[in-house]
Amino acid sequence: MAARRRSKACVLGLRFSNSDYTWVVLKGTKESPTVCASGGAKMPKGLHRPQTLSWFCQEIELLISQNGFTKICIKNTEAMARKGNTYEMRVDHEAAAFIAAANHGIKSVFKKVNATIAKDMGLKGKGKYLKTFDTSPIADFDQRTGKEQDAIMAAWSELP
């Protein structure tokens, strides 16, 4: 019986804030991830709430149309930051990613906190264990911004 080969997935990792978002495209497997592209954008100033959500949705749809994603994984807000209007705005921005995914037929969209990412990476289910995780398969991981690292870890946790 022939051994089954793991398919190489393409995952979009996202990290939202109130005023911007960061994205990364990862392909490969958990053992051999490759960052294919990354970037981010600040939200245009002077937009009203509905326009902001439309802008986020258009941005994500553009990324989806340019890549062959099988999944999207959003770095979710940690429990300590789940207070006030800024949290509500970030949740709205994350919802735009779900709408964009639905518009393009992507059914696998996840939101993960550090504990879930750690568990999915084979560590104990506590976020503190991510600090001990070997990120060396991604050569420039330590030189990336914190938001890029969040997006990478979210996407990486969804690779087969």
C-alpha atoms as a PDB file:
ATOM      1  CA  MET A   1       0.000   0.000   0.000  1.00  0.00           C
ATOM      2  CA  ALA A   2       1.479   3.347  -1.024  1.00  0.00           C
ATOM      3  CA  ALA A   3       1.991   5.940   1.692  1.00  0.00           C
ATOM      4  CA  ARG A   4      -0.284   8.947   1.451  1.00  0.00           C
ATOM      5  CA  ARG A   5       1.498  12.185   0.782  1.00  0.00           C
ATOM      6  CA  ARG A   6       0.379  15.307   2.555  1.00  0.00           C
ATOM      7  CA  SER A   7      -0.958  17.889   0.160  1.00  0.00           C
ATOM      8  CA  LYS A   8       0.647  21.286   0.201  1.00  0.00           C
ATOM      9  CA  ALA A   9      -1.905  23.713   1.546  1.00  0.00           C
ATOM     10  CA  CYS A  10      -2.031  27.446   0.948  1.00  0.00           C
ATOM     11  CA  VAL A  11      -3.196  29.374   4.008  1.00  0.00           C
ATOM     12  CA  LEU A  12      -3.841  33.096   4.460  1.00  0.00           C
ATOM     13  CA  GLY A  13      -2.892  34.275   7.948  1.00  0.00           C
ATOM     14  CA  LEU A  14      -4.430  37.545   9.118  1.00  0.00           C
ATOM     15  CA  ARG A  15      -3.838  39.847  12.075  1.00  0.00           C
ATOM     16  CA  PHE A  16      -6.233  42.795  12.426  1.00  0.00           C
ATOM     17  CA  SER A  17      -6.068  45.906  14.572  1.00  0.00           C
ATOM     18  CA  ASN A  18      -8.318  48.964  14.779  1.00  0.00           C
ATOM     19  CA  SER A  19      -6.452  50.837  12.088  1.00  0.00           C
ATOM     20  CA  ASP A  20      -4.708  48.258   9.904  1.00  0.00           C
ATOM     21  CA  TYR A  21      -4.204  44.620   9.057  1.00  0.00           C
ATOM     22  CA  THR A  22      -1.255  42.360   8.372  1.00  0.00           C
ATOM     23  CA  TRP A  23      -1.357  39.291   6.128  1.00  0.00           C
ATOM     24  CA  VAL A  24       0.887  36.413   5.212  1.00  0.00           C
ATOM     25  CA  VAL A  25       0.564  33.581   2.694  1.00  0.00           C
ATOM     26  CA  LEU A  26       2.004  30.266   3.843  1.00  0.00           C
ATOM     27  CA  LYS A  27       2.342  27.116   1.752  1.00  0.00           C
ATOM     28  CA  GLY A  28       3.687  23.685   2.551  1.00  0.00           C
ATOM     29  CA  THR A  29       3.346  21.603   5.687  1.00  0.00           C
ATOM     30  CA  LYS A  30       3.878  22.182   9.413  1.00  0.00           C
ATOM     31  CA  GLU A  31       7.320  20.623   9.059  1.00  0.00           C
ATOM     32  CA  SER A  32       8.236  22.641   5.980  1.00  0.00           C
ATOM     33  CA  PRO A  33       6.356  25.962   5.779  1.00  0.00           C
ATOM     34  CA  THR A  34       7.170  28.595   3.188  1.00  0.00           C
ATOM     35  CA  VAL A  35       6.225  32.252   3.429  1.00  0.00           C
ATOM     36  CA  CYS A  36       5.193  33.085  -0.134  1.00  0.00           C
ATOM     37  CA  ALA A  37       4.109  36.673   0.425  1.00  0.00           C
ATOM     38  CA  SER A  38       3.298  39.080   3.213  1.00  0.00           C
ATOM     39  CA  GLY A  39       2.193  42.623   3.671  1.00  0.00           C
ATOM     40  CA  GLY A  40      -0.278  44.899   5.291  1.00  0.00           C
ATOM     41  CA  ALA A  41      -2.151  48.124   4.923  1.00  0.00           C
ATOM     42  CA  LYS A  42      -3.369  50.975   7.053  1.00  0.00           C
ATOM     43  CA  MET A  43      -7.028  51.818   6.873  1.00  0.00           C
ATOM     44  CA  PRO A  44      -7.696  54.983   4.835  1.00  0.00           C
ATOM     45  CA  LYS A  45      -8.526  57.968   7.031  1.00  0.00           C
ATOM     46  CA  GLY A  46     -11.911  59.645   7.015  1.00  0.00           C
ATOM     47  CA  LEU A  47     -14.024  56.552   6.358  1.00  0.00           C
ATOM     48  CA  HIS A  48     -17.305  55.951   8.148  1.00  0.00           C
ATOM     49  CA  ARG A  49     -17.892  52.559   9.773  1.00  0.00           C
ATOM     50  CA  PRO A  50     -19.712  50.923   6.811  1.00  0.00           C
ATOM     51  CA  GLN A  51     -17.022  52.196   4.422  1.00  0.00           C
ATOM     52  CA  THR A  52     -14.292  50.796   6.681  1.00  0.00           C
ATOM     53  CA  LEU A  53     -15.829  47.339   6.639  1.00  0.00           C
ATOM     54  CA  SER A  54     -16.302  47.509   2.886  1.00  0.00           C
ATOM     55  CA  TRP A  55     -12.639  48.509   2.486  1.00  0.00           C
ATOM     56  CA  PHE A  56     -11.447  45.573   4.622  1.00  0.00           C
ATOM     57  CA  CYS A  57     -13.680  43.188   2.667  1.00  0.00           C
ATOM     58  CA  GLN A  58     -12.327  44.458  -0.679  1.00  0.00           C
ATOM     59  CA  GLU A  59      -8.743  44.134   0.559  1.00  0.00           C
ATOM     60  CA  ILE A  60      -9.236  40.514   1.636  1.00  0.00           C
ATOM     61  CA  GLU A  61     -11.123  39.656  -1.564  1.00  0.00           C
ATOM     62  CA  LEU A  62      -8.193  40.993  -3.592  1.00  0.00           C
ATOM     63  CA  LEU A  63      -5.789  38.739  -1.661  1.00  0.00           C
ATOM     64  CA  ILE A  64      -8.100  35.770  -2.169  1.00  0.00           C
ATOM     65  CA  SER A  65      -8.402  36.388  -5.910  1.00  0.00           C
ATOM     66  CA  GLN A  66      -4.605  36.573  -6.265  1.00  0.00           C
ATOM     67  CA  ASN A  67      -3.861  33.316  -4.388  1.00  0.00           C
ATOM     68  CA  GLY A  68      -5.232  29.784  -4.204  1.00  0.00           C
ATOM     69  CA  PHE A  69      -6.145  29.658  -0.533  1.00  0.00           C
ATOM     70  CA  THR A  70      -7.596  26.526   0.963  1.00  0.00           C
ATOM     71  CA  LYS A  71      -7.965  28.144   4.403  1.00  0.00           C
ATOM     72  CA  ILE A  72      -7.899  31.457   6.206  1.00  0.00           C
ATOM     73  CA  CYS A  73      -6.750  31.739   9.809  1.00  0.00           C
ATOM     74  CA  ILE A  74      -7.161  34.921  11.823  1.00  0.00           C
ATOM     75  CA  LYS A  75      -5.090  35.638  14.929  1.00  0.00           C
ATOM     76  CA  ASN A  76      -7.870  36.310  17.422  1.00  0.00           C
ATOM     77  CA  THR A  77      -7.768  38.853  20.232  1.00  0.00           C
ATOM     78  CA  GLU A  78      -6.478  37.453  23.507  1.00  0.00           C
ATOM     79  CA  ALA A  79      -8.865  37.542  26.481  1.00  0.00           C
ATOM     80  CA  MET A  80      -7.153  40.470  28.231  1.00  0.00           C
ATOM     81  CA  ALA A  81      -7.759  42.735  25.213  1.00  0.00           C
ATOM     82  CA  ARG A  82     -11.467  41.968  24.877  1.00  0.00           C
ATOM     83  CA  LYS A  83     -12.802  45.194  26.322  1.00  0.00           C
ATOM     84  CA  GLY A  84     -14.155  48.443  24.936  1.00  0.00           C
ATOM     85  CA  ASN A  85     -14.794  49.952  21.526  1.00  0.00           C
ATOM     86  CA  THR A  86     -11.416  48.991  20.076  1.00  0.00           C
ATOM     87  CA  TYR A  87     -12.226  45.309  20.557  1.00  0.00           C
ATOM     88  CA  GLU A  88     -15.612  45.783  18.887  1.00  0.00           C
ATOM     89  CA  MET A  89     -13.946  47.467  15.892  1.00  0.00           C
ATOM     90  CA  ARG A  90     -11.416  44.654  15.540  1.00  0.00           C
ATOM     91  CA  VAL A  91     -14.175  42.029  15.625  1.00  0.00           C
ATOM     92  CA  ASP A  92     -15.958  43.912  12.838  1.00  0.00           C
ATOM     93  CA  HIS A  93     -12.776  43.917  10.765  1.00  0.00           C
ATOM     94  CA  GLU A  94     -12.378  40.181  11.309  1.00  0.00           C
ATOM     95  CA  ALA A  95     -15.983  39.672  10.192  1.00  0.00           C
ATOM     96  CA  ALA A  96     -15.088  41.291   6.867  1.00  0.00           C
ATOM     97  CA  ALA A  97     -12.638  38.408   6.283  1.00  0.00           C
ATOM     98  CA  PHE A  98     -15.457  35.881   6.805  1.00  0.00           C
ATOM     99  CA  ILE A  99     -17.647  37.740   4.294  1.00  0.00           C
ATOM    100  CA  ALA A 100     -14.812  37.893   1.742  1.00  0.00           C
ATOM    101  CA  ALA A 101     -14.172  34.169   2.213  1.00  0.00           C
ATOM    102  CA  ALA A 102     -17.858  33.360   1.740  1.00  0.00           C
ATOM    103  CA  ASN A 103     -17.960  35.494  -1.413  1.00  0.00           C
ATOM    104  CA  HIS A 104     -15.157  33.319  -2.838  1.00  0.00           C
ATOM    105  CA  GLY A 105     -16.420  29.930  -1.668  1.00  0.00           C
ATOM    106  CA  ILE A 106     -13.810  29.424   1.063  1.00  0.00           C
ATOM    107  CA  LYS A 107     -15.429  27.411   3.838  1.00  0.00           C
ATOM    108  CA  SER A 108     -12.437  26.992   6.163  1.00  0.00           C
ATOM    109  CA  VAL A 109     -12.002  30.195   8.149  1.00  0.00           C
ATOM    110  CA  PHE A 110     -10.695  30.037  11.712  1.00  0.00           C
ATOM    111  CA  LYS A 111     -10.016  32.463  14.551  1.00  0.00           C
ATOM    112  CA  LYS A 112      -7.377  31.327  17.018  1.00  0.00           C
ATOM    113  CA  VAL A 113      -5.851  32.602  20.237  1.00  0.00           C
ATOM    114  CA  ASN A 114      -2.308  31.667  21.297  1.00  0.00           C
ATOM    115  CA  ALA A 115      -3.459  28.661  23.343  1.00  0.00           C
ATOM    116  CA  THR A 116      -5.264  27.147  20.339  1.00  0.00           C
ATOM    117  CA  ILE A 117      -2.319  27.857  18.049  1.00  0.00           C
ATOM    118  CA  ALA A 118       0.029  26.174  20.548  1.00  0.00           C
ATOM    119  CA  LYS A 119      -2.227  23.104  20.777  1.00  0.00           C
ATOM    120  CA  ASP A 120      -2.482  22.869  16.984  1.00  0.00           C
ATOM    121  CA  MET A 121       1.309  23.090  16.705  1.00  0.00           C
ATOM    122  CA  GLY A 122       1.664  20.042  18.950  1.00  0.00           C
ATOM    123  CA  LEU A 123       2.485  21.948  22.129  1.00  0.00           C
ATOM    124  CA  LYS A 124       0.576  21.994  25.387  1.00  0.00           C
ATOM    125  CA  GLY A 125      -2.590  24.063  25.057  1.00  0.00           C
ATOM    126  CA  LYS A 126      -1.205  27.190  26.686  1.00  0.00           C
ATOM    127  CA  GLY A 127      -0.099  30.287  24.820  1.00  0.00           C
ATOM    128  CA  LYS A 128       3.127  30.595  26.849  1.00  0.00           C
ATOM    129  CA  TYR A 129       4.469  27.475  25.143  1.00  0.00           C
ATOM    130  CA  LEU A 130       4.618  29.313  21.799  1.00  0.00           C
ATOM    131  CA  LYS A 131       7.682  31.141  23.161  1.00  0.00           C
ATOM    132  CA  THR A 132       9.512  27.789  23.134  1.00  0.00           C
ATOM    133  CA  PHE A 133       8.348  26.781  19.656  1.00  0.00           C
ATOM    134  CA  ASP A 134      11.095  26.258  17.053  1.00  0.00           C
ATOM    135  CA  THR A 135      10.450  28.889  14.369  1.00  0.00           C
ATOM    136  CA  SER A 136      13.715  28.134  12.519  1.00  0.00           C
ATOM    137  CA  PRO A 137      11.956  26.599   9.471  1.00  0.00           C
ATOM    138  CA  ILE A 138      11.049  30.214   8.624  1.00  0.00           C
ATOM    139  CA  ALA A 139      14.505  31.784   8.338  1.00  0.00           C
ATOM    140  CA  ASP A 140      13.554  35.421   8.955  1.00  0.00           C
ATOM    141  CA  PHE A 141      10.817  34.843  11.549  1.00  0.00           C
ATOM    142  CA  ASP A 142      12.653  36.751  14.312  1.00  0.00           C
ATOM    143  CA  GLN A 143      13.197  39.791  12.064  1.00  0.00           C
ATOM    144  CA  ARG A 144       9.481  40.171  11.296  1.00  0.00           C
ATOM    145  CA  THR A 145       7.128  42.494  13.191  1.00  0.00           C
ATOM    146  CA  GLY A 146       4.973  41.133  16.007  1.00  0.00           C
ATOM    147  CA  LYS A 147       1.863  41.393  13.834  1.00  0.00           C
ATOM    148  CA  GLU A 148       3.561  39.449  11.020  1.00  0.00           C
ATOM    149  CA  GLN A 149       4.655  36.803  13.512  1.00  0.00           C
ATOM    150  CA  ASP A 150       1.054  36.529  14.764  1.00  0.00           C
ATOM    151  CA  ALA A 151      -0.238  36.075  11.200  1.00  0.00           C
ATOM    152  CA  ILE A 152       2.482  33.505  10.435  1.00  0.00           C
ATOM    153  CA  MET A 153       1.775  31.455  13.556  1.00  0.00           C
ATOM    154  CA  ALA A 154      -1.976  31.481  12.859  1.00  0.00           C
ATOM    155  CA  ALA A 155      -1.489  30.327   9.255  1.00  0.00           C
ATOM    156  CA  TRP A 156       1.226  27.825  10.231  1.00  0.00           C
ATOM    157  CA  SER A 157      -1.140  26.160  12.711  1.00  0.00           C
ATOM    158  CA  GLU A 158      -3.505  25.328   9.838  1.00  0.00           C
ATOM    159  CA  LEU A 159      -0.928  23.699   7.576  1.00  0.00           C
ATOM    160  CA  PRO A 160      -1.246  19.908   7.324  1.00  0.00           C
END
